[in-house]
Amino acid sequence: MAQPKGGKVGTKGKKQIFEENKETLTFYLRIILGANAIYGAVNLFLFYNSVTFWTWGFLAFAFVVYSFSFRWMQGMAQPVFSEERVLLDGGIDLNMEQGMAEHLKDVILLTAILQVLSCISMYFWYLWLLAPGRALYLLWVNILGPWFTAEPPSNPEISEKKHRRQERRQMRKQQQ
């Protein structure tokens, strides 16, 4: 979202979040259905004679990844309505930068791209190992790295004692 001249970032209303979430979920559902249609048309119909266990296995893997990611996004975007069908909460903004939904969308896109590319060669599925690699990277950068490299917390009692001791020393020096 563009930043206005005043310097304050504009906020989205709950209705706008609700509408954008519906559009986002529809877009990613179309990506999932399109990738599966291409994969099914090429591997299961066009080259049916060369279908192996791995073809079906990767299709099942993609189905699990899609289901997990899409359902999680649906749960995040779940709106809350009153009894009079008035929108109370539009859900979590799926288009928020650096949010969990961004990572789920990346997983869906990675899986869809690799599923279509696997029509050329099944070796493209090895690139899916980028997902756990990115997850480990984010875990290290955001949680483990700062935790391991953090300074030990200073004890406030010791700091107060040192501060009082320094004050006493200064008072003695001033008196002399």
N, C-alpha and C. Protein backbone atom coordinates (compact mmCIF):
# COMPACT_ATOMS: atom_id res chain seq x y z
N MET A 1 0.84 -1.17 0.00
CA MET A 1 0.00 0.00 0.00
C MET A 1 0.88 1.22 0.00
N ALA A 2 0.57 2.20 -0.85
CA ALA A 2 1.37 3.40 -0.98
C ALA A 2 1.26 4.24 0.30
N GLN A 3 2.37 4.91 0.62
CA GLN A 3 2.40 5.71 1.81
C GLN A 3 1.96 7.13 1.46
N PRO A 4 0.97 7.69 2.17
CA PRO A 4 0.52 9.04 1.88
C PRO A 4 1.57 10.07 2.25
N LYS A 5 1.33 11.33 1.84
CA LYS A 5 2.31 12.40 2.05
C LYS A 5 2.57 12.67 3.52
N GLY A 6 1.59 12.46 4.37
CA GLY A 6 1.75 12.75 5.79
C GLY A 6 2.74 11.83 6.48
N GLY A 7 3.14 10.74 5.84
CA GLY A 7 4.09 9.82 6.43
C GLY A 7 3.45 8.64 7.13
N LYS A 8 2.16 8.70 7.36
CA LYS A 8 1.46 7.60 8.04
C LYS A 8 0.96 6.60 7.01
N VAL A 9 1.18 5.34 7.26
CA VAL A 9 0.74 4.29 6.36
C VAL A 9 -0.77 4.12 6.51
N GLY A 10 -1.48 4.09 5.39
CA GLY A 10 -2.92 3.92 5.42
C GLY A 10 -3.29 2.52 5.87
N THR A 11 -4.43 2.40 6.53
CA THR A 11 -4.89 1.10 6.99
C THR A 11 -6.08 0.67 6.14
N LYS A 12 -6.29 -0.61 6.08
CA LYS A 12 -7.40 -1.15 5.32
C LYS A 12 -8.57 -1.39 6.26
N GLY A 13 -9.74 -1.19 5.73
CA GLY A 13 -10.94 -1.47 6.49
C GLY A 13 -11.25 -2.96 6.45
N LYS A 14 -12.12 -3.40 7.36
CA LYS A 14 -12.43 -4.82 7.42
C LYS A 14 -13.14 -5.31 6.18
N LYS A 15 -13.96 -4.44 5.55
CA LYS A 15 -14.65 -4.84 4.32
C LYS A 15 -13.64 -5.00 3.17
N GLN A 16 -12.66 -4.08 3.09
CA GLN A 16 -11.64 -4.18 2.06
C GLN A 16 -10.79 -5.43 2.25
N ILE A 17 -10.43 -5.73 3.49
CA ILE A 17 -9.66 -6.95 3.78
C ILE A 17 -10.47 -8.18 3.39
N PHE A 18 -11.76 -8.18 3.72
CA PHE A 18 -12.65 -9.30 3.38
C PHE A 18 -12.70 -9.52 1.87
N GLU A 19 -12.88 -8.44 1.11
CA GLU A 19 -12.97 -8.55 -0.36
C GLU A 19 -11.63 -9.01 -0.96
N GLU A 20 -10.53 -8.43 -0.49
CA GLU A 20 -9.20 -8.81 -1.02
C GLU A 20 -8.87 -10.26 -0.66
N ASN A 21 -9.26 -10.71 0.51
CA ASN A 21 -9.03 -12.10 0.90
C ASN A 21 -9.79 -13.05 -0.01
N LYS A 22 -11.04 -12.70 -0.33
CA LYS A 22 -11.83 -13.54 -1.25
C LYS A 22 -11.14 -13.62 -2.61
N GLU A 23 -10.66 -12.48 -3.11
CA GLU A 23 -9.97 -12.46 -4.40
C GLU A 23 -8.68 -13.27 -4.35
N THR A 24 -7.94 -13.14 -3.26
CA THR A 24 -6.68 -13.88 -3.12
C THR A 24 -6.92 -15.38 -3.09
N LEU A 25 -7.90 -15.81 -2.31
CA LEU A 25 -8.21 -17.23 -2.22
C LEU A 25 -8.69 -17.77 -3.57
N THR A 26 -9.48 -17.00 -4.29
CA THR A 26 -9.94 -17.42 -5.62
C THR A 26 -8.76 -17.54 -6.57
N PHE A 27 -7.84 -16.59 -6.53
CA PHE A 27 -6.66 -16.61 -7.40
C PHE A 27 -5.82 -17.86 -7.15
N TYR A 28 -5.55 -18.16 -5.89
CA TYR A 28 -4.71 -19.32 -5.59
C TYR A 28 -5.43 -20.64 -5.83
N LEU A 29 -6.74 -20.66 -5.69
CA LEU A 29 -7.50 -21.86 -6.04
C LEU A 29 -7.41 -22.12 -7.55
N ARG A 30 -7.46 -21.04 -8.34
CA ARG A 30 -7.31 -21.19 -9.79
C ARG A 30 -5.92 -21.69 -10.16
N ILE A 31 -4.91 -21.22 -9.46
CA ILE A 31 -3.54 -21.70 -9.71
C ILE A 31 -3.45 -23.20 -9.41
N ILE A 32 -4.01 -23.61 -8.28
CA ILE A 32 -3.98 -25.02 -7.88
C ILE A 32 -4.71 -25.88 -8.92
N LEU A 33 -5.91 -25.46 -9.30
CA LEU A 33 -6.68 -26.23 -10.27
C LEU A 33 -6.00 -26.25 -11.64
N GLY A 34 -5.41 -25.14 -12.04
CA GLY A 34 -4.71 -25.09 -13.32
C GLY A 34 -3.50 -26.00 -13.36
N ALA A 35 -2.70 -25.97 -12.30
CA ALA A 35 -1.51 -26.83 -12.25
C ALA A 35 -1.91 -28.30 -12.26
N ASN A 36 -2.96 -28.65 -11.52
CA ASN A 36 -3.42 -30.04 -11.51
C ASN A 36 -4.00 -30.44 -12.86
N ALA A 37 -4.68 -29.53 -13.53
CA ALA A 37 -5.25 -29.84 -14.85
C ALA A 37 -4.13 -30.11 -15.86
N ILE A 38 -3.11 -29.27 -15.84
CA ILE A 38 -1.98 -29.47 -16.77
C ILE A 38 -1.27 -30.78 -16.46
N TYR A 39 -0.99 -31.02 -15.18
CA TYR A 39 -0.30 -32.25 -14.76
C TYR A 39 -1.12 -33.48 -15.14
N GLY A 40 -2.41 -33.41 -14.87
CA GLY A 40 -3.27 -34.55 -15.19
C GLY A 40 -3.39 -34.78 -16.69
N ALA A 41 -3.53 -33.69 -17.45
CA ALA A 41 -3.67 -33.83 -18.90
C ALA A 41 -2.41 -34.42 -19.53
N VAL A 42 -1.27 -33.95 -19.09
CA VAL A 42 -0.01 -34.41 -19.70
C VAL A 42 0.36 -35.80 -19.20
N ASN A 43 0.43 -35.98 -17.89
CA ASN A 43 0.95 -37.23 -17.34
C ASN A 43 -0.07 -38.36 -17.31
N LEU A 44 -1.31 -38.05 -17.00
CA LEU A 44 -2.29 -39.11 -16.79
C LEU A 44 -3.10 -39.44 -18.05
N PHE A 45 -3.13 -38.53 -19.01
CA PHE A 45 -3.89 -38.81 -20.23
C PHE A 45 -2.98 -38.92 -21.46
N LEU A 46 -2.12 -37.92 -21.66
CA LEU A 46 -1.28 -37.91 -22.86
C LEU A 46 -0.22 -39.02 -22.82
N PHE A 47 0.47 -39.12 -21.68
CA PHE A 47 1.53 -40.12 -21.53
C PHE A 47 1.11 -41.19 -20.52
N TYR A 48 -0.08 -41.72 -20.64
CA TYR A 48 -0.61 -42.68 -19.67
C TYR A 48 0.24 -43.95 -19.61
N ASN A 49 0.85 -44.35 -20.72
CA ASN A 49 1.65 -45.58 -20.75
C ASN A 49 2.92 -45.46 -19.90
N SER A 50 3.40 -44.23 -19.70
CA SER A 50 4.64 -44.07 -18.94
C SER A 50 4.40 -43.62 -17.49
N VAL A 51 3.16 -43.70 -17.02
CA VAL A 51 2.85 -43.32 -15.65
C VAL A 51 3.43 -44.36 -14.70
N THR A 52 4.14 -43.87 -13.68
CA THR A 52 4.75 -44.75 -12.69
C THR A 52 4.16 -44.48 -11.31
N PHE A 53 4.65 -45.21 -10.35
CA PHE A 53 4.27 -44.99 -8.96
C PHE A 53 4.60 -43.56 -8.55
N TRP A 54 5.74 -43.05 -9.02
CA TRP A 54 6.18 -41.71 -8.64
C TRP A 54 5.27 -40.63 -9.20
N THR A 55 4.70 -40.84 -10.35
CA THR A 55 3.76 -39.88 -10.92
C THR A 55 2.57 -39.70 -9.99
N TRP A 56 2.01 -40.82 -9.54
CA TRP A 56 0.89 -40.76 -8.61
C TRP A 56 1.34 -40.26 -7.24
N GLY A 57 2.54 -40.62 -6.82
CA GLY A 57 3.05 -40.18 -5.53
C GLY A 57 3.24 -38.67 -5.46
N PHE A 58 3.79 -38.11 -6.53
CA PHE A 58 3.98 -36.66 -6.55
C PHE A 58 2.65 -35.93 -6.66
N LEU A 59 1.70 -36.52 -7.34
CA LEU A 59 0.36 -35.93 -7.40
C LEU A 59 -0.26 -35.92 -6.00
N ALA A 60 -0.10 -36.98 -5.26
CA ALA A 60 -0.62 -37.05 -3.89
C ALA A 60 0.12 -36.06 -2.99
N PHE A 61 1.44 -35.95 -3.17
CA PHE A 61 2.23 -35.00 -2.40
C PHE A 61 1.75 -33.57 -2.66
N ALA A 62 1.55 -33.24 -3.93
CA ALA A 62 1.07 -31.91 -4.28
C ALA A 62 -0.31 -31.66 -3.68
N PHE A 63 -1.16 -32.68 -3.71
CA PHE A 63 -2.50 -32.54 -3.14
C PHE A 63 -2.42 -32.23 -1.64
N VAL A 64 -1.55 -32.92 -0.94
CA VAL A 64 -1.40 -32.69 0.50
C VAL A 64 -0.87 -31.27 0.77
N VAL A 65 0.12 -30.86 0.00
CA VAL A 65 0.69 -29.52 0.19
C VAL A 65 -0.36 -28.46 -0.11
N TYR A 66 -1.06 -28.60 -1.22
CA TYR A 66 -2.11 -27.65 -1.58
C TYR A 66 -3.19 -27.60 -0.51
N SER A 67 -3.65 -28.76 -0.07
CA SER A 67 -4.73 -28.82 0.91
C SER A 67 -4.32 -28.13 2.21
N PHE A 68 -3.15 -28.47 2.70
CA PHE A 68 -2.66 -27.90 3.95
C PHE A 68 -2.54 -26.38 3.83
N SER A 69 -1.86 -25.91 2.79
CA SER A 69 -1.61 -24.48 2.63
C SER A 69 -2.89 -23.69 2.40
N PHE A 70 -3.74 -24.20 1.52
CA PHE A 70 -4.96 -23.48 1.18
C PHE A 70 -5.92 -23.45 2.37
N ARG A 71 -6.05 -24.57 3.07
CA ARG A 71 -6.94 -24.60 4.24
C ARG A 71 -6.45 -23.66 5.34
N TRP A 72 -5.13 -23.59 5.50
CA TRP A 72 -4.58 -22.69 6.50
C TRP A 72 -4.88 -21.24 6.12
N MET A 73 -4.72 -20.92 4.83
CA MET A 73 -5.05 -19.57 4.38
C MET A 73 -6.54 -19.28 4.56
N GLN A 74 -7.39 -20.26 4.29
CA GLN A 74 -8.82 -20.07 4.49
C GLN A 74 -9.14 -19.80 5.96
N GLY A 75 -8.48 -20.53 6.83
CA GLY A 75 -8.70 -20.33 8.25
C GLY A 75 -8.25 -18.96 8.72
N MET A 76 -7.14 -18.47 8.16
CA MET A 76 -6.66 -17.15 8.52
C MET A 76 -7.60 -16.06 8.04
N ALA A 77 -8.22 -16.27 6.89
CA ALA A 77 -9.08 -15.25 6.28
C ALA A 77 -10.53 -15.40 6.68
N GLN A 78 -10.82 -16.24 7.64
CA GLN A 78 -12.21 -16.51 8.03
C GLN A 78 -12.86 -15.24 8.58
N PRO A 79 -13.89 -14.73 7.91
CA PRO A 79 -14.57 -13.54 8.43
C PRO A 79 -15.54 -13.89 9.55
N VAL A 80 -15.91 -12.87 10.33
CA VAL A 80 -16.87 -13.03 11.41
C VAL A 80 -18.05 -12.10 11.12
N PHE A 81 -19.24 -12.68 11.08
CA PHE A 81 -20.46 -11.92 10.83
C PHE A 81 -21.34 -11.95 12.08
N SER A 82 -22.12 -10.89 12.24
CA SER A 82 -23.10 -10.87 13.32
C SER A 82 -24.34 -11.65 12.90
N GLU A 83 -25.31 -11.76 13.79
CA GLU A 83 -26.54 -12.47 13.45
C GLU A 83 -27.31 -11.77 12.34
N GLU A 84 -27.11 -10.47 12.22
CA GLU A 84 -27.79 -9.70 11.17
C GLU A 84 -26.98 -9.69 9.87
N ARG A 85 -25.98 -10.54 9.77
CA ARG A 85 -25.10 -10.66 8.60
C ARG A 85 -24.29 -9.38 8.35
N VAL A 86 -23.92 -8.69 9.42
CA VAL A 86 -23.06 -7.53 9.34
C VAL A 86 -21.63 -7.99 9.60
N LEU A 87 -20.71 -7.55 8.76
CA LEU A 87 -19.32 -7.95 8.88
C LEU A 87 -18.70 -7.35 10.14
N LEU A 88 -18.28 -8.20 11.06
CA LEU A 88 -17.63 -7.74 12.28
C LEU A 88 -16.11 -7.74 12.15
N ASP A 89 -15.59 -8.77 11.48
CA ASP A 89 -14.14 -8.91 11.29
C ASP A 89 -13.89 -9.54 9.94
N GLY A 90 -13.00 -8.95 9.16
CA GLY A 90 -12.70 -9.46 7.83
C GLY A 90 -11.67 -10.57 7.81
N GLY A 91 -11.15 -10.96 8.94
CA GLY A 91 -10.11 -11.97 9.00
C GLY A 91 -8.73 -11.33 8.91
N ILE A 92 -7.71 -12.17 8.95
CA ILE A 92 -6.34 -11.69 8.82
C ILE A 92 -6.08 -11.33 7.37
N ASP A 93 -5.39 -10.23 7.14
CA ASP A 93 -5.09 -9.78 5.79
C ASP A 93 -4.09 -10.73 5.14
N LEU A 94 -4.53 -11.45 4.11
CA LEU A 94 -3.66 -12.41 3.43
C LEU A 94 -2.60 -11.72 2.57
N ASN A 95 -2.79 -10.45 2.27
CA ASN A 95 -1.84 -9.73 1.42
C ASN A 95 -0.87 -8.87 2.23
N MET A 96 -0.83 -9.08 3.52
CA MET A 96 0.08 -8.35 4.39
C MET A 96 1.51 -8.80 4.12
N GLU A 97 2.42 -7.83 4.04
CA GLU A 97 3.82 -8.17 3.80
C GLU A 97 4.42 -8.81 5.05
N GLN A 98 5.30 -9.77 4.84
CA GLN A 98 6.00 -10.49 5.90
C GLN A 98 5.06 -11.23 6.84
N GLY A 99 3.91 -11.61 6.35
CA GLY A 99 2.97 -12.39 7.16
C GLY A 99 3.10 -13.86 6.84
N MET A 100 2.44 -14.68 7.63
CA MET A 100 2.47 -16.13 7.43
C MET A 100 1.83 -16.51 6.10
N ALA A 101 0.80 -15.76 5.70
CA ALA A 101 0.12 -16.07 4.44
C ALA A 101 1.07 -15.91 3.26
N GLU A 102 2.02 -15.00 3.36
CA GLU A 102 2.99 -14.82 2.28
C GLU A 102 3.80 -16.10 2.07
N HIS A 103 4.19 -16.75 3.15
CA HIS A 103 4.95 -18.00 3.04
C HIS A 103 4.08 -19.13 2.50
N LEU A 104 2.82 -19.16 2.90
CA LEU A 104 1.91 -20.18 2.37
C LEU A 104 1.67 -19.99 0.88
N LYS A 105 1.55 -18.75 0.46
CA LYS A 105 1.38 -18.47 -0.98
C LYS A 105 2.63 -18.89 -1.74
N ASP A 106 3.80 -18.67 -1.16
CA ASP A 106 5.05 -19.09 -1.80
C ASP A 106 5.09 -20.61 -1.96
N VAL A 107 4.63 -21.33 -0.95
CA VAL A 107 4.62 -22.80 -1.01
C VAL A 107 3.66 -23.27 -2.11
N ILE A 108 2.50 -22.64 -2.21
CA ILE A 108 1.55 -23.01 -3.27
C ILE A 108 2.15 -22.73 -4.64
N LEU A 109 2.75 -21.56 -4.81
CA LEU A 109 3.35 -21.22 -6.10
C LEU A 109 4.51 -22.15 -6.45
N LEU A 110 5.37 -22.45 -5.49
CA LEU A 110 6.49 -23.35 -5.74
C LEU A 110 5.98 -24.72 -6.16
N THR A 111 4.99 -25.23 -5.46
CA THR A 111 4.45 -26.55 -5.78
C THR A 111 3.80 -26.55 -7.16
N ALA A 112 3.04 -25.50 -7.48
CA ALA A 112 2.38 -25.43 -8.79
C ALA A 112 3.40 -25.36 -9.93
N ILE A 113 4.42 -24.55 -9.76
CA ILE A 113 5.45 -24.42 -10.80
C ILE A 113 6.18 -25.74 -10.99
N LEU A 114 6.55 -26.39 -9.89
CA LEU A 114 7.26 -27.66 -10.00
C LEU A 114 6.37 -28.77 -10.54
N GLN A 115 5.10 -28.71 -10.22
CA GLN A 115 4.17 -29.72 -10.74
C GLN A 115 4.06 -29.60 -12.26
N VAL A 116 3.98 -28.38 -12.77
CA VAL A 116 3.91 -28.19 -14.23
C VAL A 116 5.25 -28.55 -14.88
N LEU A 117 6.36 -28.13 -14.26
CA LEU A 117 7.67 -28.46 -14.82
C LEU A 117 7.96 -29.95 -14.79
N SER A 118 7.35 -30.65 -13.84
CA SER A 118 7.59 -32.09 -13.76
C SER A 118 6.97 -32.84 -14.94
N CYS A 119 6.15 -32.17 -15.72
CA CYS A 119 5.65 -32.78 -16.96
C CYS A 119 6.80 -32.99 -17.94
N ILE A 120 7.83 -32.17 -17.82
CA ILE A 120 9.02 -32.30 -18.65
C ILE A 120 9.94 -33.37 -18.08
N SER A 121 10.22 -33.25 -16.78
CA SER A 121 11.09 -34.21 -16.11
C SER A 121 10.72 -34.28 -14.63
N MET A 122 10.65 -35.49 -14.11
CA MET A 122 10.31 -35.68 -12.70
C MET A 122 11.42 -35.16 -11.78
N TYR A 123 12.60 -34.91 -12.31
CA TYR A 123 13.70 -34.41 -11.50
C TYR A 123 13.45 -32.98 -10.99
N PHE A 124 12.51 -32.28 -11.59
CA PHE A 124 12.18 -30.94 -11.10
C PHE A 124 11.62 -30.98 -9.69
N TRP A 125 11.07 -32.12 -9.26
CA TRP A 125 10.53 -32.21 -7.91
C TRP A 125 11.63 -32.04 -6.85
N TYR A 126 12.88 -32.29 -7.22
CA TYR A 126 13.98 -32.08 -6.26
C TYR A 126 14.08 -30.63 -5.83
N LEU A 127 13.63 -29.71 -6.68
CA LEU A 127 13.68 -28.30 -6.32
C LEU A 127 12.73 -27.97 -5.17
N TRP A 128 11.82 -28.89 -4.86
CA TRP A 128 10.93 -28.63 -3.74
C TRP A 128 11.70 -28.63 -2.42
N LEU A 129 12.92 -29.14 -2.44
CA LEU A 129 13.77 -29.09 -1.25
C LEU A 129 14.15 -27.66 -0.89
N LEU A 130 13.86 -26.72 -1.79
CA LEU A 130 14.09 -25.32 -1.47
C LEU A 130 13.16 -24.85 -0.34
N ALA A 131 11.98 -25.43 -0.25
CA ALA A 131 11.01 -25.01 0.77
C ALA A 131 11.53 -25.28 2.19
N PRO A 132 11.96 -26.50 2.51
CA PRO A 132 12.51 -26.70 3.86
C PRO A 132 13.78 -25.90 4.09
N GLY A 133 14.56 -25.70 3.03
CA GLY A 133 15.76 -24.87 3.17
C GLY A 133 15.41 -23.44 3.54
N ARG A 134 14.39 -22.89 2.90
CA ARG A 134 13.95 -21.54 3.23
C ARG A 134 13.37 -21.50 4.64
N ALA A 135 12.64 -22.53 5.02
CA ALA A 135 12.07 -22.58 6.38
C ALA A 135 13.19 -22.59 7.43
N LEU A 136 14.24 -23.36 7.19
CA LEU A 136 15.37 -23.39 8.12
C LEU A 136 16.07 -22.04 8.17
N TYR A 137 16.21 -21.41 7.01
CA TYR A 137 16.83 -20.08 6.95
C TYR A 137 16.01 -19.08 7.78
N LEU A 138 14.69 -19.06 7.59
CA LEU A 138 13.84 -18.14 8.35
C LEU A 138 13.87 -18.45 9.84
N LEU A 139 13.91 -19.74 10.18
CA LEU A 139 14.01 -20.13 11.58
C LEU A 139 15.31 -19.60 12.19
N TRP A 140 16.41 -19.71 11.45
CA TRP A 140 17.69 -19.24 11.97
C TRP A 140 17.72 -17.72 12.08
N VAL A 141 17.29 -17.02 11.03
CA VAL A 141 17.36 -15.56 11.01
C VAL A 141 16.42 -14.94 12.04
N ASN A 142 15.24 -15.48 12.19
CA ASN A 142 14.25 -14.83 13.04
C ASN A 142 14.21 -15.34 14.48
N ILE A 143 14.64 -16.57 14.72
CA ILE A 143 14.49 -17.13 16.07
C ILE A 143 15.83 -17.59 16.65
N LEU A 144 16.46 -18.57 16.00
CA LEU A 144 17.65 -19.18 16.59
C LEU A 144 18.86 -18.27 16.60
N GLY A 145 19.13 -17.60 15.48
CA GLY A 145 20.30 -16.72 15.40
C GLY A 145 20.29 -15.64 16.47
N PRO A 146 19.22 -14.86 16.55
CA PRO A 146 19.18 -13.83 17.60
C PRO A 146 19.25 -14.41 19.01
N TRP A 147 18.70 -15.60 19.18
CA TRP A 147 18.73 -16.20 20.51
C TRP A 147 20.15 -16.62 20.90
N PHE A 148 20.89 -17.23 19.93
CA PHE A 148 22.26 -17.66 20.23
C PHE A 148 23.22 -16.49 20.37
N THR A 149 23.01 -15.42 19.63
CA THR A 149 23.95 -14.31 19.64
C THR A 149 23.54 -13.17 20.55
N ALA A 150 22.46 -13.32 21.30
CA ALA A 150 21.98 -12.25 22.18
C ALA A 150 22.93 -12.09 23.37
N GLU A 151 23.03 -10.86 23.82
CA GLU A 151 23.82 -10.57 25.01
C GLU A 151 23.09 -11.13 26.22
N PRO A 152 23.84 -11.64 27.18
CA PRO A 152 23.16 -12.13 28.39
C PRO A 152 22.47 -10.96 29.09
N PRO A 153 21.31 -11.19 29.65
CA PRO A 153 20.61 -10.09 30.32
C PRO A 153 21.38 -9.62 31.53
N SER A 154 21.41 -8.31 31.70
CA SER A 154 22.12 -7.77 32.86
C SER A 154 21.19 -7.80 34.07
N ASN A 155 21.76 -8.09 35.21
CA ASN A 155 20.99 -8.17 36.43
C ASN A 155 20.76 -6.75 36.94
N PRO A 156 19.53 -6.27 37.04
CA PRO A 156 19.29 -4.89 37.45
C PRO A 156 19.75 -4.61 38.88
N GLU A 157 19.74 -5.62 39.76
CA GLU A 157 20.20 -5.40 41.13
C GLU A 157 21.68 -5.09 41.15
N ILE A 158 22.45 -5.81 40.34
CA ILE A 158 23.90 -5.55 40.29
C ILE A 158 24.15 -4.17 39.72
N SER A 159 23.40 -3.79 38.71
CA SER A 159 23.57 -2.47 38.12
C SER A 159 23.26 -1.38 39.15
N GLU A 160 22.22 -1.57 39.95
CA GLU A 160 21.88 -0.59 40.98
C GLU A 160 22.98 -0.51 42.03
N LYS A 161 23.51 -1.66 42.41
CA LYS A 161 24.60 -1.67 43.40
C LYS A 161 25.81 -0.93 42.86
N LYS A 162 26.16 -1.20 41.60
CA LYS A 162 27.30 -0.50 41.01
C LYS A 162 27.05 0.99 40.94
N HIS A 163 25.84 1.38 40.61
CA HIS A 163 25.49 2.79 40.50
C HIS A 163 25.60 3.48 41.88
N ARG A 164 25.10 2.84 42.93
CA ARG A 164 25.20 3.40 44.28
C ARG A 164 26.65 3.51 44.73
N ARG A 165 27.43 2.48 44.40
CA ARG A 165 28.85 2.48 44.78
C ARG A 165 29.58 3.63 44.10
N GLN A 166 29.27 3.86 42.81
CA GLN A 166 29.90 4.97 42.10
C GLN A 166 29.48 6.31 42.69
N GLU A 167 28.23 6.43 43.07
CA GLU A 167 27.76 7.68 43.69
C GLU A 167 28.49 7.94 45.00
N ARG A 168 28.67 6.89 45.80
CA ARG A 168 29.39 7.05 47.07
C ARG A 168 30.84 7.48 46.83
N ARG A 169 31.47 6.88 45.83
CA ARG A 169 32.85 7.26 45.53
C ARG A 169 32.94 8.72 45.10
N GLN A 170 31.98 9.14 44.29
CA GLN A 170 31.99 10.54 43.85
C GLN A 170 31.75 11.48 45.03
N MET A 171 30.86 11.08 45.94
CA MET A 171 30.60 11.91 47.12
C MET A 171 31.87 12.04 47.97
N ARG A 172 32.62 10.95 48.14
CA ARG A 172 33.86 10.99 48.91
C ARG A 172 34.88 11.88 48.26
N LYS A 173 34.99 11.80 46.93
CA LYS A 173 35.95 12.63 46.21
C LYS A 173 35.58 14.11 46.33
N GLN A 174 34.29 14.41 46.30
CA GLN A 174 33.85 15.79 46.42
C GLN A 174 34.09 16.33 47.83
N GLN A 175 33.96 15.48 48.83
CA GLN A 175 34.16 15.91 50.20
C GLN A 175 35.62 16.14 50.50
N GLN A 176 36.49 15.47 49.82
CA GLN A 176 37.94 15.61 50.11
C GLN A 176 38.52 16.75 49.43
